[in-house]
Amino acid sequence: MRLIDLNPCWVGHGGEGVTDTATGAAIPRREQVAIDFDCPCGCGSRCCIEFANPLDGGPPTRTDDHTWTRTGDTFETLTLTPSIQRVGGCGWHGHITNGEAA
């Protein structure tokens, strides 16, 4: 199944009115730090995958192990590693490789 058929959208982070809960410091707006798409299993849920290497060239927005390495810069060329395992809900486990979800 093509990723483009799963209604993907790039996800941003921060911006006006968004602050760090620990410090109160403003979090600047960033773009394309993650991707959100319909779950390939057809359950109706959305999957949000945060990048270890965001398209904007900045650092990851998370500091834990819940990020995926991205290659490709369009929905048609995107590859994410490692595999994706949805925890809870449908439990879909699969890959995004060269714009294909399987």
Protein backbone atom coordinates (compact mmCIF):
# COMPACT_ATOMS: atom_id res chain seq x y z
CA MET A 1 0.00 0.00 0.00
CA ARG A 2 1.35 3.42 -0.93
CA LEU A 3 1.93 5.81 1.96
CA ILE A 4 0.36 8.60 -0.11
CA ASP A 5 -2.94 6.63 -0.02
CA LEU A 6 -2.93 6.77 3.81
CA ASN A 7 -3.57 10.54 3.96
CA PRO A 8 -0.11 11.45 5.29
CA CYS A 9 0.76 14.88 6.61
CA TRP A 10 3.94 16.39 8.00
CA VAL A 11 3.81 17.29 11.69
CA GLY A 12 5.26 20.47 13.18
CA HIS A 13 6.31 21.29 16.73
CA GLY A 14 6.27 24.35 18.97
CA GLY A 15 5.25 27.83 17.91
CA GLU A 16 3.39 30.80 19.29
CA GLY A 17 2.09 30.16 22.79
CA VAL A 18 3.93 26.84 23.24
CA THR A 19 6.35 26.67 26.17
CA ASP A 20 8.57 24.11 27.87
CA THR A 21 6.65 22.85 30.91
CA ALA A 22 9.83 22.55 33.00
CA THR A 23 11.38 25.95 32.22
CA GLY A 24 8.57 28.07 30.80
CA ALA A 25 10.81 28.95 27.84
CA ALA A 26 9.15 29.48 24.47
CA ILE A 27 9.52 26.60 22.01
CA PRO A 28 10.21 27.94 18.50
CA ARG A 29 8.08 26.67 15.62
CA ARG A 30 9.57 23.81 13.63
CA GLU A 31 8.21 22.00 10.59
CA GLN A 32 8.42 18.41 9.35
CA VAL A 33 9.63 16.82 12.58
CA ALA A 34 7.25 13.84 12.25
CA ILE A 35 4.67 12.23 9.99
CA ASP A 36 1.05 11.35 10.72
CA PHE A 37 -0.91 8.88 8.55
CA ASP A 38 -3.87 6.49 8.60
CA CYS A 39 -2.99 3.13 10.13
CA PRO A 40 -2.34 0.68 7.26
CA CYS A 41 -4.44 -2.04 8.92
CA GLY A 42 -7.62 -0.05 8.25
CA CYS A 43 -8.64 0.29 11.93
CA GLY A 44 -9.35 4.01 11.47
CA SER A 45 -6.62 5.21 13.85
CA ARG A 46 -3.75 7.51 12.93
CA CYS A 47 -0.04 6.78 13.40
CA CYS A 48 2.31 9.60 14.39
CA ILE A 49 5.99 8.81 13.92
CA GLU A 50 8.62 11.28 15.16
CA PHE A 51 11.93 11.50 13.32
CA ALA A 52 15.40 11.08 14.81
CA ASN A 53 16.55 13.30 11.93
CA PRO A 54 13.77 15.82 11.13
CA LEU A 55 13.52 17.26 7.64
CA ASP A 56 14.17 20.79 8.98
CA GLY A 57 17.75 19.73 9.89
CA GLY A 58 17.27 20.35 13.61
CA PRO A 59 17.60 17.84 16.44
CA PRO A 60 14.82 15.38 17.29
CA THR A 61 12.00 16.80 19.38
CA ARG A 62 12.15 13.80 21.72
CA THR A 63 15.09 12.67 23.82
CA ASP A 64 13.87 9.11 24.43
CA ASP A 65 14.08 6.08 22.14
CA HIS A 66 10.72 6.73 20.46
CA THR A 67 12.03 8.18 17.19
CA TRP A 68 12.63 6.67 13.77
CA THR A 69 15.46 7.33 11.34
CA ARG A 70 14.18 8.84 8.11
CA THR A 71 15.53 8.67 4.59
CA GLY A 72 13.72 10.35 1.73
CA ASP A 73 12.07 13.75 1.85
CA THR A 74 8.69 13.15 0.22
CA PHE A 75 5.83 10.79 1.03
CA GLU A 76 6.70 8.87 -2.15
CA THR A 77 10.35 8.28 -1.14
CA LEU A 78 10.12 8.02 2.66
CA THR A 79 11.75 5.09 4.45
CA LEU A 80 11.61 4.76 8.25
CA THR A 81 13.75 2.46 10.38
CA PRO A 82 13.34 0.44 12.48
CA SER A 83 9.96 -1.19 11.88
CA ILE A 84 6.86 0.41 13.38
CA GLN A 85 4.96 -1.42 16.14
CA ARG A 86 1.74 0.21 17.33
CA VAL A 87 1.37 -0.34 21.05
CA GLY A 88 -2.23 -0.77 22.10
CA GLY A 89 -5.14 -0.45 19.73
CA CYS A 90 -4.76 -2.66 16.67
CA GLY A 91 -1.08 -3.49 17.32
CA TRP A 92 -0.11 -3.05 13.64
CA HIS A 93 3.52 -3.95 12.98
CA GLY A 94 5.10 -3.04 9.67
CA HIS A 95 7.52 -0.97 7.66
CA ILE A 96 7.54 2.20 5.59
CA THR A 97 10.00 1.64 2.74
CA ASN A 98 10.37 3.87 -0.33
CA GLY A 99 6.87 5.23 0.21
CA GLU A 100 5.27 1.78 0.68
CA ALA A 101 3.58 0.66 3.90
CA ALA A 102 3.64 -3.08 4.51
